[in-house]
Amino acid sequence: MSQMNIAEVDLNLLKTFEALHDESSASRAALRLGVTQSAISAGLRRLREVYGDQLFVRTGRGLAPTLRANQLKPLISEALDRCRQSLAMVNPDNQQYQGRSVVLGLSDDFEIAYGRRLMDEITRCAPRLRVIFRQTHSQIVAGALLDRTLDLAITAGGFAHSRLSRQVLGEGDYRCLVDADQPSMSLDEFVTREHVLVSSGGFIGITDEGLAAQGLSRQVCASTSHFAALPFLLKGSQAVATIPGHAAEVIGAMTGLRVLACPLALPRYPIELGWQTQAQLDPLLLKVREAIVASFTWSPPSTC
């Protein structure tokens, strides 16, 4: 690779790189940027010359980034975000966000319970902005925020890092979800039931820890990583799923499953919003953060 300086590089190539990394497809990147696919292909050829790397390789499912591309992504996205912030300073009252997007990390229990309200509130505060919901959880969220895979995230913790900021949105608890015709249950009945576990790992959950503290255990008949699967797994069975209360209430209301108080005392937990500290100066992210806070508040939201 020949030595290059910024004066020799078309900075529009950075937008091409970002679109290719986000979309994993030349055709979708072209649609996103409003250019032809041949323009994207030409841009990729030039990017490969600039960085001396393939950057994206074709697979059966589209274009996959190389290690170098993944290393470049946070740097390039940050540079483009700085440019977007500078343009926002010219007209801070501009209410049009066509073409902009914010990636919000959250697990599907939060997406199920709050997704619709988040969409409505973000649309009100930032018209035509696209919010991208992306799955995450507390064990991986810090890394995703630091490498800019996520702009913001909602989880039950996971933000204990010096470069991350956080805000408590509320407090969560646990409820039991069962088929519609089942009555409330005692702790003894709870232990003897078969259980459906929702867990990214698939083996141990907060319920197992609570039972173990009392010298008890349960029988897990099935495990899933998706809360949205529960109606299909519980209908017509005697099984019980112990899940966050916000998701239990919404799933119960939408599907007819019954929500019961959990007979096992489990700790409440904080629901937190996290972001990379240096990103707090971006006026768009500030608007979205305010919209998220309003979505977790039962009183009427404040004006943006």
C-alpha atoms as a PDB file:
ATOM      1  CA  MET A   1       0.000   0.000   0.000  1.00  0.00           C
ATOM      2  CA  SER A   2       1.358   3.408  -0.953  1.00  0.00           C
ATOM      3  CA  GLN A   3       1.601   6.107   1.714  1.00  0.00           C
ATOM      4  CA  MET A   4      -1.505   8.330   1.650  1.00  0.00           C
ATOM      5  CA  ASN A   5      -2.602  11.442   3.454  1.00  0.00           C
ATOM      6  CA  ILE A   6      -6.098  12.782   3.998  1.00  0.00           C
ATOM      7  CA  ALA A   7      -5.794  15.238   1.121  1.00  0.00           C
ATOM      8  CA  GLU A   8      -5.675  12.290  -1.288  1.00  0.00           C
ATOM      9  CA  VAL A   9      -8.728  10.482   0.096  1.00  0.00           C
ATOM     10  CA  ASP A  10     -12.342  11.132  -0.883  1.00  0.00           C
ATOM     11  CA  LEU A  11     -14.030  11.356   2.524  1.00  0.00           C
ATOM     12  CA  ASN A  12     -17.299  10.099   1.003  1.00  0.00           C
ATOM     13  CA  LEU A  13     -15.600   6.706   1.064  1.00  0.00           C
ATOM     14  CA  LEU A  14     -16.082   6.695   4.838  1.00  0.00           C
ATOM     15  CA  LYS A  15     -19.860   6.799   4.352  1.00  0.00           C
ATOM     16  CA  THR A  16     -19.539   3.876   1.943  1.00  0.00           C
ATOM     17  CA  PHE A  17     -17.505   1.943   4.506  1.00  0.00           C
ATOM     18  CA  GLU A  18     -20.056   2.608   7.276  1.00  0.00           C
ATOM     19  CA  ALA A  19     -22.992   1.564   5.089  1.00  0.00           C
ATOM     20  CA  LEU A  20     -21.258  -1.639   3.974  1.00  0.00           C
ATOM     21  CA  HIS A  21     -20.362  -2.558   7.554  1.00  0.00           C
ATOM     22  CA  ASP A  22     -23.889  -1.897   8.820  1.00  0.00           C
ATOM     23  CA  GLU A  23     -25.777  -3.508   5.935  1.00  0.00           C
ATOM     24  CA  SER A  24     -23.427  -6.413   4.976  1.00  0.00           C
ATOM     25  CA  SER A  25     -24.584  -5.967   1.397  1.00  0.00           C
ATOM     26  CA  ALA A  26     -23.531  -3.753  -1.498  1.00  0.00           C
ATOM     27  CA  SER A  27     -27.098  -3.492  -2.818  1.00  0.00           C
ATOM     28  CA  ARG A  28     -28.510  -2.481   0.577  1.00  0.00           C
ATOM     29  CA  ALA A  29     -25.655  -0.021   1.118  1.00  0.00           C
ATOM     30  CA  ALA A  30     -26.492   1.529  -2.266  1.00  0.00           C
ATOM     31  CA  LEU A  31     -30.155   1.896  -1.299  1.00  0.00           C
ATOM     32  CA  ARG A  32     -29.181   3.443   2.026  1.00  0.00           C
ATOM     33  CA  LEU A  33     -26.900   6.037   0.427  1.00  0.00           C
ATOM     34  CA  GLY A  34     -29.089   6.671  -2.615  1.00  0.00           C
ATOM     35  CA  VAL A  35     -26.425   5.666  -5.136  1.00  0.00           C
ATOM     36  CA  THR A  36     -25.956   2.840  -7.632  1.00  0.00           C
ATOM     37  CA  GLN A  37     -24.532  -0.542  -6.679  1.00  0.00           C
ATOM     38  CA  SER A  38     -21.688   0.047  -9.133  1.00  0.00           C
ATOM     39  CA  ALA A  39     -20.781   3.206  -7.199  1.00  0.00           C
ATOM     40  CA  ILE A  40     -20.606   1.153  -4.006  1.00  0.00           C
ATOM     41  CA  SER A  41     -18.427  -1.462  -5.700  1.00  0.00           C
ATOM     42  CA  ALA A  42     -16.106   1.262  -6.990  1.00  0.00           C
ATOM     43  CA  GLY A  43     -15.961   2.783  -3.524  1.00  0.00           C
ATOM     44  CA  LEU A  44     -15.080  -0.568  -2.001  1.00  0.00           C
ATOM     45  CA  ARG A  45     -12.241  -1.025  -4.477  1.00  0.00           C
ATOM     46  CA  ARG A  46     -10.886   2.384  -3.514  1.00  0.00           C
ATOM     47  CA  LEU A  47     -11.271   1.630   0.205  1.00  0.00           C
ATOM     48  CA  ARG A  48      -9.266  -1.562  -0.246  1.00  0.00           C
ATOM     49  CA  GLU A  49      -6.478   0.466  -1.851  1.00  0.00           C
ATOM     50  CA  VAL A  50      -6.552   3.066   0.920  1.00  0.00           C
ATOM     51  CA  TYR A  51      -6.422   0.558   3.785  1.00  0.00           C
ATOM     52  CA  GLY A  52      -4.475  -2.237   2.113  1.00  0.00           C
ATOM     53  CA  ASP A  53      -7.029  -4.859   3.129  1.00  0.00           C
ATOM     54  CA  GLN A  54      -9.985  -6.717   1.620  1.00  0.00           C
ATOM     55  CA  LEU A  55     -12.195  -5.132   4.337  1.00  0.00           C
ATOM     56  CA  PHE A  56     -15.296  -7.117   3.266  1.00  0.00           C
ATOM     57  CA  VAL A  57     -15.369 -10.663   1.898  1.00  0.00           C
ATOM     58  CA  ARG A  58     -18.285 -12.332   0.196  1.00  0.00           C
ATOM     59  CA  THR A  59     -20.052 -15.139   2.086  1.00  0.00           C
ATOM     60  CA  GLY A  60     -23.256 -17.056   1.518  1.00  0.00           C
ATOM     61  CA  ARG A  61     -25.130 -14.378   3.492  1.00  0.00           C
ATOM     62  CA  GLY A  62     -23.595 -11.250   1.980  1.00  0.00           C
ATOM     63  CA  LEU A  63     -20.438  -9.308   2.854  1.00  0.00           C
ATOM     64  CA  ALA A  64     -18.584 -10.103   6.077  1.00  0.00           C
ATOM     65  CA  PRO A  65     -16.114  -7.602   7.578  1.00  0.00           C
ATOM     66  CA  THR A  66     -12.497  -8.616   8.052  1.00  0.00           C
ATOM     67  CA  LEU A  67     -10.638  -8.112  11.325  1.00  0.00           C
ATOM     68  CA  ARG A  68      -9.206  -4.837   9.983  1.00  0.00           C
ATOM     69  CA  ALA A  69     -12.693  -3.620   9.023  1.00  0.00           C
ATOM     70  CA  ASN A  70     -13.971  -4.325  12.538  1.00  0.00           C
ATOM     71  CA  GLN A  71     -11.007  -2.410  13.951  1.00  0.00           C
ATOM     72  CA  LEU A  72     -11.716   0.543  11.661  1.00  0.00           C
ATOM     73  CA  LYS A  73     -15.486   0.669  12.248  1.00  0.00           C
ATOM     74  CA  PRO A  74     -15.545   2.508  15.606  1.00  0.00           C
ATOM     75  CA  LEU A  75     -12.970   5.036  14.396  1.00  0.00           C
ATOM     76  CA  ILE A  76     -14.798   5.774  11.160  1.00  0.00           C
ATOM     77  CA  SER A  77     -18.235   5.938  12.797  1.00  0.00           C
ATOM     78  CA  GLU A  78     -16.924   8.289  15.456  1.00  0.00           C
ATOM     79  CA  ALA A  79     -15.408  10.554  12.788  1.00  0.00           C
ATOM     80  CA  LEU A  80     -18.692  10.652  10.856  1.00  0.00           C
ATOM     81  CA  ASP A  81     -20.668  11.294  14.040  1.00  0.00           C
ATOM     82  CA  ARG A  82     -18.410  14.247  14.822  1.00  0.00           C
ATOM     83  CA  CYS A  83     -19.159  15.650  11.373  1.00  0.00           C
ATOM     84  CA  ARG A  84     -22.895  15.155  11.933  1.00  0.00           C
ATOM     85  CA  GLN A  85     -22.628  16.930  15.281  1.00  0.00           C
ATOM     86  CA  SER A  86     -20.850  19.869  13.636  1.00  0.00           C
ATOM     87  CA  LEU A  87     -23.669  20.212  11.103  1.00  0.00           C
ATOM     88  CA  ALA A  88     -26.254  20.022  13.891  1.00  0.00           C
ATOM     89  CA  MET A  89     -24.547  23.004  15.540  1.00  0.00           C
ATOM     90  CA  VAL A  90     -25.359  25.126  12.470  1.00  0.00           C
ATOM     91  CA  ASN A  91     -29.076  24.623  13.018  1.00  0.00           C
ATOM     92  CA  PRO A  92     -29.680  23.121  16.475  1.00  0.00           C
ATOM     93  CA  ASP A  93     -33.450  23.597  16.138  1.00  0.00           C
ATOM     94  CA  ASN A  94     -33.665  21.442  13.015  1.00  0.00           C
ATOM     95  CA  GLN A  95     -36.345  18.808  13.620  1.00  0.00           C
ATOM     96  CA  GLN A  96     -35.687  16.627  10.578  1.00  0.00           C
ATOM     97  CA  TYR A  97     -33.552  13.521  10.996  1.00  0.00           C
ATOM     98  CA  GLN A  98     -34.092  11.788   7.660  1.00  0.00           C
ATOM     99  CA  GLY A  99     -31.256   9.335   7.033  1.00  0.00           C
ATOM    100  CA  ARG A 100     -30.031   9.301  10.629  1.00  0.00           C
ATOM    101  CA  SER A 101     -30.286   6.297  12.892  1.00  0.00           C
ATOM    102  CA  VAL A 102     -29.593   5.392  16.516  1.00  0.00           C
ATOM    103  CA  VAL A 103     -28.773   1.834  17.589  1.00  0.00           C
ATOM    104  CA  LEU A 104     -30.424   0.982  20.909  1.00  0.00           C
ATOM    105  CA  GLY A 105     -29.342  -2.209  22.652  1.00  0.00           C
ATOM    106  CA  LEU A 106     -31.860  -4.042  24.836  1.00  0.00           C
ATOM    107  CA  SER A 107     -33.022  -7.572  25.546  1.00  0.00           C
ATOM    108  CA  ASP A 108     -36.318  -8.667  24.057  1.00  0.00           C
ATOM    109  CA  ASP A 109     -38.189  -8.416  27.382  1.00  0.00           C
ATOM    110  CA  PHE A 110     -37.593  -4.646  27.291  1.00  0.00           C
ATOM    111  CA  GLU A 111     -38.354  -4.552  23.571  1.00  0.00           C
ATOM    112  CA  ILE A 112     -41.650  -6.385  24.125  1.00  0.00           C
ATOM    113  CA  ALA A 113     -42.676  -4.220  27.087  1.00  0.00           C
ATOM    114  CA  TYR A 114     -41.393  -0.798  26.009  1.00  0.00           C
ATOM    115  CA  GLY A 115     -40.632  -0.978  22.273  1.00  0.00           C
ATOM    116  CA  ARG A 116     -43.884   0.596  21.095  1.00  0.00           C
ATOM    117  CA  ARG A 117     -43.662   3.442  23.592  1.00  0.00           C
ATOM    118  CA  LEU A 118     -40.010   4.017  22.685  1.00  0.00           C
ATOM    119  CA  MET A 119     -40.909   4.222  18.991  1.00  0.00           C
ATOM    120  CA  ASP A 120     -43.695   6.738  19.652  1.00  0.00           C
ATOM    121  CA  GLU A 121     -41.669   8.941  21.974  1.00  0.00           C
ATOM    122  CA  ILE A 122     -38.552   8.950  19.773  1.00  0.00           C
ATOM    123  CA  THR A 123     -40.684   9.796  16.725  1.00  0.00           C
ATOM    124  CA  ARG A 124     -42.199  12.703  18.634  1.00  0.00           C
ATOM    125  CA  CYS A 125     -38.824  14.078  19.727  1.00  0.00           C
ATOM    126  CA  ALA A 126     -36.798  13.293  16.570  1.00  0.00           C
ATOM    127  CA  PRO A 127     -39.075  13.023  13.511  1.00  0.00           C
ATOM    128  CA  ARG A 128     -37.991  10.592  10.793  1.00  0.00           C
ATOM    129  CA  LEU A 129     -35.118   9.225  12.847  1.00  0.00           C
ATOM    130  CA  ARG A 130     -34.740   5.447  12.585  1.00  0.00           C
ATOM    131  CA  VAL A 131     -34.236   3.588  15.856  1.00  0.00           C
ATOM    132  CA  ILE A 132     -32.562   0.196  15.473  1.00  0.00           C
ATOM    133  CA  PHE A 133     -33.302  -2.253  18.276  1.00  0.00           C
ATOM    134  CA  ARG A 134     -30.394  -4.666  18.745  1.00  0.00           C
ATOM    135  CA  GLN A 135     -30.270  -7.564  21.193  1.00  0.00           C
ATOM    136  CA  THR A 136     -27.897  -7.270  24.137  1.00  0.00           C
ATOM    137  CA  HIS A 137     -27.654  -8.116  27.833  1.00  0.00           C
ATOM    138  CA  SER A 138     -25.701  -6.980  30.874  1.00  0.00           C
ATOM    139  CA  GLN A 139     -22.749  -9.325  30.336  1.00  0.00           C
ATOM    140  CA  ILE A 140     -21.866  -7.980  26.879  1.00  0.00           C
ATOM    141  CA  VAL A 141     -23.339  -4.474  26.811  1.00  0.00           C
ATOM    142  CA  ALA A 142     -20.228  -2.583  27.975  1.00  0.00           C
ATOM    143  CA  GLY A 143     -18.097  -3.934  25.134  1.00  0.00           C
ATOM    144  CA  ALA A 144     -20.804  -3.152  22.559  1.00  0.00           C
ATOM    145  CA  LEU A 145     -21.049   0.463  23.737  1.00  0.00           C
ATOM    146  CA  LEU A 146     -17.275   0.908  23.841  1.00  0.00           C
ATOM    147  CA  ASP A 147     -16.764  -0.434  20.303  1.00  0.00           C
ATOM    148  CA  ARG A 148     -19.745   1.649  19.099  1.00  0.00           C
ATOM    149  CA  THR A 149     -21.805  -1.338  17.998  1.00  0.00           C
ATOM    150  CA  LEU A 150     -24.478   0.325  20.163  1.00  0.00           C
ATOM    151  CA  ASP A 151     -25.168   4.033  20.698  1.00  0.00           C
ATOM    152  CA  LEU A 152     -27.338   3.542  23.798  1.00  0.00           C
ATOM    153  CA  ALA A 153     -28.454   0.518  25.790  1.00  0.00           C
ATOM    154  CA  ILE A 154     -31.101  -0.481  28.326  1.00  0.00           C
ATOM    155  CA  THR A 155     -30.229  -3.383  30.614  1.00  0.00           C
ATOM    156  CA  ALA A 156     -30.328  -4.488  34.237  1.00  0.00           C
ATOM    157  CA  GLY A 157     -26.801  -3.186  34.872  1.00  0.00           C
ATOM    158  CA  GLY A 158     -23.546  -3.911  33.092  1.00  0.00           C
ATOM    159  CA  PHE A 159     -22.339  -0.304  32.785  1.00  0.00           C
ATOM    160  CA  ALA A 160     -19.612  -0.334  35.456  1.00  0.00           C
ATOM    161  CA  HIS A 161     -16.818   1.077  33.283  1.00  0.00           C
ATOM    162  CA  SER A 162     -14.945   4.360  33.594  1.00  0.00           C
ATOM    163  CA  ARG A 163     -15.805   5.365  30.011  1.00  0.00           C
ATOM    164  CA  LEU A 164     -19.525   4.660  30.370  1.00  0.00           C
ATOM    165  CA  SER A 165     -22.271   6.769  31.919  1.00  0.00           C
ATOM    166  CA  ARG A 166     -25.586   5.467  33.184  1.00  0.00           C
ATOM    167  CA  GLN A 167     -28.969   6.607  34.437  1.00  0.00           C
ATOM    168  CA  VAL A 168     -31.477   4.586  36.452  1.00  0.00           C
ATOM    169  CA  LEU A 169     -34.824   4.386  34.637  1.00  0.00           C
ATOM    170  CA  GLY A 170     -36.711   2.321  37.184  1.00  0.00           C
ATOM    171  CA  GLU A 171     -36.780  -0.891  39.168  1.00  0.00           C
ATOM    172  CA  GLY A 172     -37.880  -4.329  38.076  1.00  0.00           C
ATOM    173  CA  ASP A 173     -39.285  -7.436  39.747  1.00  0.00           C
ATOM    174  CA  TYR A 174     -40.247 -10.977  38.747  1.00  0.00           C
ATOM    175  CA  ARG A 175     -43.622 -12.596  38.007  1.00  0.00           C
ATOM    176  CA  CYS A 176     -44.738 -16.042  36.939  1.00  0.00           C
ATOM    177  CA  LEU A 177     -46.349 -16.720  33.584  1.00  0.00           C
ATOM    178  CA  VAL A 178     -48.589 -19.784  33.159  1.00  0.00           C
ATOM    179  CA  ASP A 179     -51.359 -21.048  30.904  1.00  0.00           C
ATOM    180  CA  ALA A 180     -54.653 -19.187  31.333  1.00  0.00           C
ATOM    181  CA  ASP A 181     -56.658 -21.716  33.379  1.00  0.00           C
ATOM    182  CA  GLN A 182     -54.088 -22.265  36.136  1.00  0.00           C
ATOM    183  CA  PRO A 183     -54.648 -20.910  39.688  1.00  0.00           C
ATOM    184  CA  SER A 184     -52.125 -19.186  41.951  1.00  0.00           C
ATOM    185  CA  MET A 185     -49.512 -21.502  43.462  1.00  0.00           C
ATOM    186  CA  SER A 186     -47.640 -21.980  46.704  1.00  0.00           C
ATOM    187  CA  LEU A 187     -43.871 -22.324  46.886  1.00  0.00           C
ATOM    188  CA  ASP A 188     -44.254 -26.112  47.212  1.00  0.00           C
ATOM    189  CA  GLU A 189     -46.377 -26.228  44.052  1.00  0.00           C
ATOM    190  CA  PHE A 190     -43.926 -23.897  42.308  1.00  0.00           C
ATOM    191  CA  VAL A 191     -41.029 -26.265  43.015  1.00  0.00           C
ATOM    192  CA  THR A 192     -42.880 -29.346  41.769  1.00  0.00           C
ATOM    193  CA  ARG A 193     -43.921 -27.734  38.453  1.00  0.00           C
ATOM    194  CA  GLU A 194     -41.876 -28.037  35.305  1.00  0.00           C
ATOM    195  CA  HIS A 195     -40.221 -24.755  34.361  1.00  0.00           C
ATOM    196  CA  VAL A 196     -39.326 -22.973  31.136  1.00  0.00           C
ATOM    197  CA  LEU A 197     -36.109 -20.998  31.586  1.00  0.00           C
ATOM    198  CA  VAL A 198     -35.287 -17.859  29.621  1.00  0.00           C
ATOM    199  CA  SER A 199     -31.523 -17.459  29.636  1.00  0.00           C
ATOM    200  CA  SER A 200     -28.732 -16.549  27.232  1.00  0.00           C
ATOM    201  CA  GLY A 201     -26.685 -19.427  28.679  1.00  0.00           C
ATOM    202  CA  GLY A 202     -29.510 -21.945  28.924  1.00  0.00           C
ATOM    203  CA  PHE A 203     -28.727 -23.566  32.281  1.00  0.00           C
ATOM    204  CA  ILE A 204     -28.956 -21.347  35.361  1.00  0.00           C
ATOM    205  CA  GLY A 205     -31.248 -18.405  36.107  1.00  0.00           C
ATOM    206  CA  ILE A 206     -32.075 -16.087  39.012  1.00  0.00           C
ATOM    207  CA  THR A 207     -34.812 -18.535  40.089  1.00  0.00           C
ATOM    208  CA  ASP A 208     -32.275 -21.343  40.536  1.00  0.00           C
ATOM    209  CA  GLU A 209     -30.140 -19.062  42.698  1.00  0.00           C
ATOM    210  CA  GLY A 210     -33.144 -18.104  44.844  1.00  0.00           C
ATOM    211  CA  LEU A 211     -34.200 -21.715  45.287  1.00  0.00           C
ATOM    212  CA  ALA A 212     -30.652 -22.848  46.103  1.00  0.00           C
ATOM    213  CA  ALA A 213     -30.499 -20.275  48.908  1.00  0.00           C
ATOM    214  CA  GLN A 214     -33.408 -22.159  50.526  1.00  0.00           C
ATOM    215  CA  GLY A 215     -31.988 -25.612  49.824  1.00  0.00           C
ATOM    216  CA  LEU A 216     -34.457 -26.190  46.974  1.00  0.00           C
ATOM    217  CA  SER A 217     -34.193 -26.895  43.251  1.00  0.00           C
ATOM    218  CA  ARG A 218     -36.522 -27.135  40.250  1.00  0.00           C
ATOM    219  CA  GLN A 219     -36.942 -29.153  37.078  1.00  0.00           C
ATOM    220  CA  VAL A 220     -36.363 -27.170  33.874  1.00  0.00           C
ATOM    221  CA  CYS A 221     -38.090 -28.877  30.954  1.00  0.00           C
ATOM    222  CA  ALA A 222     -36.995 -26.384  28.298  1.00  0.00           C
ATOM    223  CA  SER A 223     -34.785 -23.347  27.886  1.00  0.00           C
ATOM    224  CA  THR A 224     -34.969 -20.498  25.384  1.00  0.00           C
ATOM    225  CA  SER A 225     -33.042 -17.278  24.807  1.00  0.00           C
ATOM    226  CA  HIS A 226     -36.172 -15.405  23.620  1.00  0.00           C
ATOM    227  CA  PHE A 227     -39.014 -14.120  25.789  1.00  0.00           C
ATOM    228  CA  ALA A 228     -41.170 -13.884  22.669  1.00  0.00           C
ATOM    229  CA  ALA A 229     -41.209 -17.708  22.434  1.00  0.00           C
ATOM    230  CA  LEU A 230     -42.937 -18.158  25.796  1.00  0.00           C
ATOM    231  CA  PRO A 231     -46.584 -18.053  24.603  1.00  0.00           C
ATOM    232  CA  PHE A 232     -45.861 -20.918  22.204  1.00  0.00           C
ATOM    233  CA  LEU A 233     -44.008 -22.929  24.852  1.00  0.00           C
ATOM    234  CA  LEU A 234     -46.484 -22.427  27.724  1.00  0.00           C
ATOM    235  CA  LYS A 235     -49.869 -22.718  25.986  1.00  0.00           C
ATOM    236  CA  GLY A 236     -51.507 -26.050  26.775  1.00  0.00           C
ATOM    237  CA  SER A 237     -48.864 -27.043  29.353  1.00  0.00           C
ATOM    238  CA  GLN A 238     -48.541 -27.055  33.132  1.00  0.00           C
ATOM    239  CA  ALA A 239     -45.145 -25.381  32.969  1.00  0.00           C
ATOM    240  CA  VAL A 240     -44.282 -22.037  34.534  1.00  0.00           C
ATOM    241  CA  ALA A 241     -41.853 -19.318  33.451  1.00  0.00           C
ATOM    242  CA  THR A 242     -40.472 -16.815  35.963  1.00  0.00           C
ATOM    243  CA  ILE A 243     -39.587 -13.621  34.085  1.00  0.00           C
ATOM    244  CA  PRO A 244     -39.284  -9.847  34.590  1.00  0.00           C
ATOM    245  CA  GLY A 245     -42.629  -8.365  35.574  1.00  0.00           C
ATOM    246  CA  HIS A 246     -42.747  -5.776  32.773  1.00  0.00           C
ATOM    247  CA  ALA A 247     -42.530  -8.518  30.130  1.00  0.00           C
ATOM    248  CA  ALA A 248     -44.925 -10.852  31.958  1.00  0.00           C
ATOM    249  CA  GLU A 249     -47.667  -8.203  32.090  1.00  0.00           C
ATOM    250  CA  VAL A 250     -47.422  -7.339  28.391  1.00  0.00           C
ATOM    251  CA  ILE A 251     -47.146 -10.953  27.211  1.00  0.00           C
ATOM    252  CA  GLY A 252     -50.097 -11.924  29.424  1.00  0.00           C
ATOM    253  CA  ALA A 253     -52.250  -9.080  28.087  1.00  0.00           C
ATOM    254  CA  MET A 254     -51.423  -9.887  24.460  1.00  0.00           C
ATOM    255  CA  THR A 255     -51.710 -13.681  24.587  1.00  0.00           C
ATOM    256  CA  GLY A 256     -54.146 -14.560  27.371  1.00  0.00           C
ATOM    257  CA  LEU A 257     -51.506 -16.253  29.509  1.00  0.00           C
ATOM    258  CA  ARG A 258     -51.995 -15.704  33.232  1.00  0.00           C
ATOM    259  CA  VAL A 259     -49.607 -13.589  35.304  1.00  0.00           C
ATOM    260  CA  LEU A 260     -49.088 -14.723  38.896  1.00  0.00           C
ATOM    261  CA  ALA A 261     -47.126 -13.326  41.813  1.00  0.00           C
ATOM    262  CA  CYS A 262     -43.906 -15.274  42.241  1.00  0.00           C
ATOM    263  CA  PRO A 263     -44.084 -17.391  45.433  1.00  0.00           C
ATOM    264  CA  LEU A 264     -40.289 -17.261  45.702  1.00  0.00           C
ATOM    265  CA  ALA A 265     -38.808 -14.049  47.088  1.00  0.00           C
ATOM    266  CA  LEU A 266     -36.424 -12.734  44.425  1.00  0.00           C
ATOM    267  CA  PRO A 267     -34.433  -9.487  44.550  1.00  0.00           C
ATOM    268  CA  ARG A 268     -35.580  -6.434  42.653  1.00  0.00           C
ATOM    269  CA  TYR A 269     -33.121  -4.965  40.179  1.00  0.00           C
ATOM    270  CA  PRO A 270     -32.354  -1.556  38.632  1.00  0.00           C
ATOM    271  CA  ILE A 271     -33.282  -0.854  35.011  1.00  0.00           C
ATOM    272  CA  GLU A 272     -30.532   1.353  33.608  1.00  0.00           C
ATOM    273  CA  LEU A 273     -29.790   3.360  30.486  1.00  0.00           C
ATOM    274  CA  GLY A 274     -26.112   3.435  29.493  1.00  0.00           C
ATOM    275  CA  TRP A 275     -23.995   5.259  26.928  1.00  0.00           C
ATOM    276  CA  GLN A 276     -20.391   6.070  26.128  1.00  0.00           C
ATOM    277  CA  THR A 277     -19.544   9.174  28.165  1.00  0.00           C
ATOM    278  CA  GLN A 278     -17.942  11.100  25.317  1.00  0.00           C
ATOM    279  CA  ALA A 279     -21.097  10.620  23.214  1.00  0.00           C
ATOM    280  CA  GLN A 280     -23.209  12.714  25.591  1.00  0.00           C
ATOM    281  CA  LEU A 281     -22.356  15.898  23.641  1.00  0.00           C
ATOM    282  CA  ASP A 282     -24.214  14.642  20.543  1.00  0.00           C
ATOM    283  CA  PRO A 283     -27.510  16.611  20.546  1.00  0.00           C
ATOM    284  CA  LEU A 284     -29.333  13.794  18.753  1.00  0.00           C
ATOM    285  CA  LEU A 285     -28.333  11.190  21.343  1.00  0.00           C
ATOM    286  CA  LEU A 286     -29.364  13.612  24.066  1.00  0.00           C
ATOM    287  CA  LYS A 287     -32.826  13.881  22.486  1.00  0.00           C
ATOM    288  CA  VAL A 288     -33.124  10.103  22.255  1.00  0.00           C
ATOM    289  CA  ARG A 289     -31.995   9.687  25.865  1.00  0.00           C
ATOM    290  CA  GLU A 290     -34.683  12.133  26.968  1.00  0.00           C
ATOM    291  CA  ALA A 291     -37.258  10.190  24.934  1.00  0.00           C
ATOM    292  CA  ILE A 292     -36.200   6.914  26.573  1.00  0.00           C
ATOM    293  CA  VAL A 293     -36.496   8.406  30.054  1.00  0.00           C
ATOM    294  CA  ALA A 294     -39.985   9.675  29.166  1.00  0.00           C
ATOM    295  CA  SER A 295     -40.958   6.206  27.907  1.00  0.00           C
ATOM    296  CA  PHE A 296     -40.171   4.722  31.329  1.00  0.00           C
ATOM    297  CA  THR A 297     -42.199   7.402  33.115  1.00  0.00           C
ATOM    298  CA  TRP A 298     -45.897   6.823  33.618  1.00  0.00           C
ATOM    299  CA  SER A 299     -46.718  10.534  33.844  1.00  0.00           C
ATOM    300  CA  PRO A 300     -47.116  12.508  30.578  1.00  0.00           C
ATOM    301  CA  PRO A 301     -43.692  13.033  28.922  1.00  0.00           C
ATOM    302  CA  SER A 302     -42.105  16.462  28.943  1.00  0.00           C
ATOM    303  CA  THR A 303     -41.622  18.526  25.801  1.00  0.00           C
ATOM    304  CA  CYS A 304     -38.342  17.858  23.957  1.00  0.00           C
END
